[in-house]
Protein backbone atom coordinates (compact mmCIF):
# COMPACT_ATOMS: atom_id res chain seq x y z
CA MET A 1 0.02 -0.01 0.00
CA SER A 2 1.35 3.36 -0.85
CA ILE A 3 0.99 5.63 2.19
CA ARG A 4 2.98 8.20 0.21
CA HIS A 5 0.31 8.52 -2.50
CA ALA A 6 -2.59 8.17 -0.06
CA LEU A 7 -1.28 11.25 1.84
CA LEU A 8 -0.91 13.14 -1.46
CA ALA A 9 -4.48 12.32 -2.27
CA LEU A 10 -5.67 13.62 1.07
CA LEU A 11 -3.51 16.82 0.65
CA SER A 12 -4.97 17.27 -2.88
CA GLU A 13 -8.21 18.32 -1.02
CA GLY A 14 -6.45 21.13 0.81
CA PRO A 15 -3.81 21.71 3.55
CA LYS A 16 -3.89 19.45 6.56
CA TYR A 17 -1.94 18.65 9.73
CA GLY A 18 -0.16 15.28 10.22
CA LEU A 19 -2.63 14.07 12.86
CA GLN A 20 -5.46 15.09 10.63
CA LEU A 21 -4.01 13.04 7.79
CA ARG A 22 -3.71 10.03 9.95
CA GLU A 23 -7.32 10.24 11.07
CA GLU A 24 -8.65 10.82 7.53
CA PHE A 25 -6.56 8.03 6.10
CA GLU A 26 -7.98 5.58 8.57
CA ALA A 27 -11.58 6.91 8.10
CA ARG A 28 -11.29 6.60 4.26
CA THR A 29 -9.91 3.08 4.35
CA GLY A 30 -12.70 1.82 6.64
CA GLU A 31 -10.38 1.87 9.61
CA VAL A 32 -8.97 -1.44 8.39
CA TRP A 33 -5.38 -0.33 8.14
CA PRO A 34 -4.29 1.63 11.28
CA LEU A 35 -1.54 4.11 10.55
CA ASN A 36 1.05 5.26 13.11
CA VAL A 37 1.31 9.05 13.31
CA GLY A 38 5.11 8.62 13.20
CA GLN A 39 4.81 6.98 9.91
CA VAL A 40 2.76 9.90 8.70
CA TYR A 41 5.36 12.42 9.66
CA THR A 42 8.25 10.33 8.31
CA THR A 43 6.41 10.06 4.98
CA LEU A 44 5.60 13.80 5.01
CA GLN A 45 9.34 14.62 5.55
CA ARG A 46 10.24 12.56 2.54
CA LEU A 47 7.50 14.05 0.41
CA GLU A 48 8.72 17.49 1.45
CA ARG A 49 12.36 16.57 0.69
CA ASP A 50 11.26 15.34 -2.80
CA GLY A 51 9.36 18.63 -3.46
CA LEU A 52 5.90 16.97 -3.56
CA VAL A 53 4.52 18.71 -0.48
CA GLU A 54 5.43 21.89 1.42
CA SER A 55 4.86 22.86 4.97
CA ASP A 56 3.80 26.03 6.78
CA ASP A 57 7.09 26.59 8.44
CA ASP A 58 10.59 25.11 8.68
CA GLY A 59 10.15 24.04 12.30
CA GLU A 60 10.21 20.60 13.74
CA PRO A 61 7.44 18.29 12.67
CA GLY A 62 4.52 18.38 15.06
CA PRO A 63 0.75 18.52 15.39
CA GLN A 64 0.55 22.17 14.43
CA ARG A 65 2.57 22.03 11.17
CA GLY A 66 0.35 22.09 8.14
CA PHE A 67 1.23 20.53 4.85
CA ARG A 68 -0.05 21.17 1.30
CA ILE A 69 0.55 19.41 -1.99
CA THR A 70 2.77 21.10 -4.61
CA ASP A 71 2.24 21.05 -8.43
CA ASP A 72 4.83 18.30 -8.60
CA GLY A 73 3.04 16.34 -5.95
CA ALA A 74 -0.27 16.71 -7.91
CA ASP A 75 1.48 15.37 -11.06
CA GLU A 76 2.89 12.44 -9.05
CA LEU A 77 -0.52 11.64 -7.59
CA SER A 78 -2.14 11.82 -11.03
CA GLY A 79 0.51 9.51 -12.50
CA TRP A 80 0.14 7.03 -9.66
CA LEU A 81 -3.65 6.88 -9.94
CA ARG A 82 -3.42 6.11 -13.74
CA THR A 83 -0.55 3.65 -13.63
CA PRO A 84 -1.50 0.05 -13.16
CA PRO A 85 0.55 -1.81 -10.59
CA ASN A 86 3.21 -4.17 -11.81
CA LEU A 87 1.52 -7.63 -11.76
CA GLU A 88 3.86 -9.29 -14.19
CA SER A 89 5.31 -11.68 -11.59
CA PRO A 90 3.36 -13.26 -8.82
CA PRO A 91 3.87 -11.69 -5.29
CA ARG A 92 5.67 -13.74 -2.75
CA ASP A 93 2.78 -15.46 -1.11
CA GLU A 94 3.45 -17.23 2.26
CA LEU A 95 0.58 -19.71 1.64
CA VAL A 96 1.85 -20.79 -1.75
CA ILE A 97 5.40 -21.19 -0.33
CA LYS A 98 4.00 -23.32 2.47
CA VAL A 99 2.17 -25.68 0.04
CA LEU A 100 5.28 -25.89 -2.21
CA VAL A 101 7.49 -26.76 0.75
CA ALA A 102 4.94 -29.21 2.20
CA ILE A 103 4.74 -31.34 -0.98
CA ARG A 104 8.46 -32.21 -0.58
CA LEU A 105 8.60 -32.80 3.17
CA PRO A 106 8.53 -36.42 4.15
CA GLY A 107 5.82 -37.21 6.72
CA VAL A 108 3.73 -34.06 5.95
CA ASP A 109 0.26 -34.52 4.71
CA VAL A 110 -0.02 -31.69 2.23
CA HIS A 111 -3.81 -32.20 1.93
CA ASP A 112 -4.09 -31.66 5.68
CA VAL A 113 -2.03 -28.52 5.39
CA ILE A 114 -4.30 -27.23 2.68
CA GLN A 115 -7.49 -28.13 4.47
CA THR A 116 -6.28 -26.40 7.67
CA HIS A 117 -5.65 -23.23 5.73
CA ARG A 118 -8.86 -23.49 3.84
CA ARG A 119 -10.91 -23.78 7.04
CA TYR A 120 -9.22 -20.75 8.41
CA LEU A 121 -9.88 -18.71 5.30
CA VAL A 122 -13.52 -19.71 5.33
CA GLU A 123 -13.82 -18.51 8.97
CA LEU A 124 -12.21 -15.23 7.96
CA MET A 125 -14.68 -14.86 5.06
CA GLN A 126 -17.49 -15.47 7.57
CA GLN A 127 -16.07 -12.70 9.83
CA TRP A 128 -15.81 -10.25 6.97
CA THR A 129 -19.32 -11.06 5.85
CA ARG A 130 -20.65 -10.35 9.29
CA LEU A 131 -18.88 -7.01 9.34
CA LYS A 132 -20.28 -6.26 5.93
CA ASP A 133 -23.85 -7.11 7.13
CA GLU A 134 -23.44 -5.04 10.26
CA GLU A 135 -21.55 -1.94 9.29
CA ALA A 136 -20.68 -1.75 5.58
CA ASP A 137 -23.89 -0.11 4.47
CA LEU A 138 -23.02 2.86 6.66
CA ASP A 139 -19.50 3.40 5.33
CA LEU A 140 -18.79 3.26 1.59
CA GLY A 141 -14.98 2.92 2.23
CA LEU A 142 -15.48 0.05 4.60
CA ALA A 143 -17.89 -1.66 2.11
CA LEU A 144 -15.33 -1.43 -0.72
CA VAL A 145 -12.57 -2.84 1.58
CA VAL A 146 -14.80 -5.64 2.71
CA ASP A 147 -15.75 -6.59 -0.91
CA ALA A 148 -12.13 -6.47 -1.91
CA GLU A 149 -11.10 -8.80 0.97
CA LEU A 150 -13.98 -11.20 0.42
CA TYR A 151 -12.97 -11.51 -3.25
CA ARG A 152 -9.27 -12.00 -2.26
CA LEU A 153 -10.04 -14.64 0.25
CA ASP A 154 -12.38 -16.41 -2.09
CA SER A 155 -9.70 -16.59 -4.76
CA VAL A 156 -7.29 -18.05 -2.27
CA VAL A 157 -9.84 -20.66 -1.27
CA GLN A 158 -10.30 -21.45 -4.97
CA TRP A 159 -6.59 -21.74 -5.40
CA LEU A 160 -6.36 -24.13 -2.42
CA ASP A 161 -9.09 -26.31 -3.90
CA THR A 162 -7.38 -26.39 -7.29
CA ALA A 163 -3.99 -27.13 -5.70
CA ASP A 164 -5.43 -29.92 -3.65
CA GLY A 165 -7.12 -31.48 -6.69
CA ARG A 166 -4.02 -31.18 -8.71
CA LEU A 167 -1.96 -32.78 -6.06
CA LYS A 168 -4.39 -35.70 -5.69
CA ARG A 169 -4.25 -36.28 -9.41
CA ALA A 170 -0.52 -36.12 -9.50
CA ALA A 171 0.03 -38.53 -6.61
CA PRO A 172 1.29 -41.84 -7.64
CA GLU A 173 -1.35 -44.49 -7.45
CA PRO A 174 -0.92 -46.85 -4.47
CA PRO A 175 0.59 -50.16 -5.41
CA ARG A 176 -1.84 -52.80 -6.30
CA PRO A 177 -1.91 -55.84 -4.12
CA VAL A 178 0.35 -58.60 -5.46
CA LYS A 179 -1.55 -61.87 -6.05
CA GLY A 180 0.10 -65.00 -5.01
CA PRO A 181 1.43 -67.36 -7.60
CA GLN A 182 -1.35 -69.12 -9.45
CA ILE A 183 -1.08 -72.79 -9.98
CA ARG A 184 -2.21 -73.94 -13.41
CA ARG A 185 -3.59 -77.25 -14.05
CA ARG A 186 -2.26 -79.21 -16.84
CA ALA A 187 -4.70 -80.73 -19.16
CA GLY A 188 -5.54 -84.18 -18.27
CA VAL A 189 -4.08 -83.86 -14.71
CA ARG A 190 -6.47 -84.55 -11.89
CA ARG A 191 -6.06 -83.77 -8.31
């Protein structure tokens, strides 16, 4: 998530103080991603250093120091909003790594690993759905965050189901029981 660009977006509405930026960021993102006020001021210092924002004075950062976006900052924000994220290579996903590691570990039931994570994800989806039912109608930002999270979790569950099926199909078939030697009768031989 780009805190840098989120702060530029908030400043594009007009000058704001650091604490105000933190509060508005959390409110706009459905209060799902808490933001440390120190993180806000550190980001603002970098934005100011890069000429993307300017402050009211040259004093120390603090609650009374106002910031506003510059023309270069507005250009940066506009470019960021219109530039698709780089999705050419898959992100490093801990769950994918777990499954890839588990298929090679002796004594690990990869199907059990998959089902454990699947159950957890379904429980998370239920929690997000409850939140959506209870509060999302009141807050558009929260509703959008909840929808995004539900779609993301659903796609991970679908991937786990696909991976489990693929692993089951790829598993070597268990050996067939070996039949004992069969005795053939010769023609004309009676027992």
